[in-house]
Amino acid sequence: MYFFIIMCMQMIPIISISGGKPAMLLPLLFVIGVSMIKDIFEDSKRHKSDNQENFKDTEVYDPVTREFITVHWKDLKVG
């Protein structure tokens, strides 16, 4: 937010030392771009990890048959 505010203030010619041009725009876009790429990478790893966990098997007690049945974690209903 700090760099965004500085960039906006640079576009006001009266108070700007850059002649009204947003000199902070390129560094700000670079930092935001790198942050976006990092977040995409982390989200894809988390998605893959979640899918692996959701498809693991667990045993659930079935009161009708009085036996344990095997289900995926994603199909588990709590409560």
Protein backbone atom coordinates (compact mmCIF):
# COMPACT_ATOMS: atom_id res chain seq x y z
CA MET A 1 0.00 0.00 0.00
CA TYR A 2 2.86 2.35 0.80
CA PHE A 3 4.35 2.12 -2.70
CA PHE A 4 0.90 2.43 -4.29
CA ILE A 5 0.25 5.62 -2.35
CA ILE A 6 3.68 6.99 -3.31
CA MET A 7 2.97 6.14 -6.96
CA CYS A 8 -0.38 7.96 -6.81
CA MET A 9 1.26 10.99 -5.21
CA GLN A 10 3.90 11.02 -7.97
CA MET A 11 1.14 11.60 -10.54
CA ILE A 12 0.25 14.94 -8.92
CA PRO A 13 2.55 17.39 -10.75
CA ILE A 14 2.51 20.01 -7.97
CA ILE A 15 4.06 17.71 -5.34
CA SER A 16 5.90 15.31 -7.65
CA ILE A 17 9.65 15.32 -8.21
CA SER A 18 9.20 12.99 -11.21
CA GLY A 19 7.26 15.48 -13.31
CA GLY A 20 3.89 13.83 -12.83
CA LYS A 21 5.08 10.44 -14.07
CA PRO A 22 4.56 7.39 -11.82
CA ALA A 23 8.19 6.36 -11.37
CA MET A 24 7.21 3.71 -8.79
CA LEU A 25 4.89 1.93 -11.24
CA LEU A 26 7.43 -0.52 -12.70
CA PRO A 27 8.93 -1.58 -9.34
CA LEU A 28 5.42 -1.92 -7.91
CA LEU A 29 4.27 -4.08 -10.85
CA PHE A 30 7.41 -6.21 -10.54
CA VAL A 31 6.84 -6.89 -6.83
CA ILE A 32 3.15 -7.64 -7.38
CA GLY A 33 3.99 -9.94 -10.31
CA VAL A 34 6.58 -11.91 -8.33
CA SER A 35 4.14 -12.20 -5.44
CA MET A 36 1.42 -13.48 -7.79
CA ILE A 37 3.73 -16.13 -9.28
CA LYS A 38 4.75 -17.27 -5.79
CA ASP A 39 1.12 -17.49 -4.70
CA ILE A 40 0.17 -19.49 -7.81
CA PHE A 41 2.99 -21.95 -7.12
CA GLU A 42 2.01 -22.33 -3.45
CA ASP A 43 -1.70 -22.72 -4.29
CA SER A 44 -0.99 -25.43 -6.85
CA LYS A 45 1.13 -27.34 -4.31
CA ARG A 46 -1.64 -26.99 -1.71
CA HIS A 47 -4.27 -28.17 -4.21
CA LYS A 48 -2.20 -31.25 -5.08
CA SER A 49 -1.62 -32.00 -1.38
CA ASP A 50 -5.34 -31.59 -0.60
CA ASN A 51 -6.29 -34.00 -3.39
CA GLN A 52 -3.83 -36.61 -2.12
CA GLU A 53 -5.25 -36.30 1.39
CA ASN A 54 -8.88 -36.34 0.24
CA PHE A 55 -8.46 -39.62 -1.65
CA LYS A 56 -6.83 -41.51 1.22
CA ASP A 57 -8.92 -44.32 2.67
CA THR A 58 -10.32 -44.45 6.18
CA GLU A 59 -12.68 -46.78 7.96
CA VAL A 60 -16.14 -45.72 9.11
CA TYR A 61 -18.48 -47.69 11.32
CA ASP A 62 -21.78 -48.58 9.64
CA PRO A 63 -24.45 -49.05 12.35
CA VAL A 64 -26.76 -50.92 9.95
CA THR A 65 -24.30 -53.73 9.13
CA ARG A 66 -22.34 -53.29 12.37
CA GLU A 67 -19.08 -53.37 10.42
CA PHE A 68 -16.41 -50.92 9.40
CA ILE A 69 -16.48 -49.87 5.76
CA THR A 70 -13.70 -48.18 3.80
CA VAL A 71 -14.41 -44.71 2.36
CA HIS A 72 -12.33 -41.83 1.03
CA TRP A 73 -11.73 -38.90 3.38
CA LYS A 74 -13.59 -36.64 0.91
CA ASP A 75 -16.76 -38.74 1.39
CA LEU A 76 -16.63 -38.66 5.19
CA LYS A 77 -19.63 -37.01 6.85
CA VAL A 78 -18.94 -35.76 10.37
CA GLY A 79 -21.70 -35.80 12.94
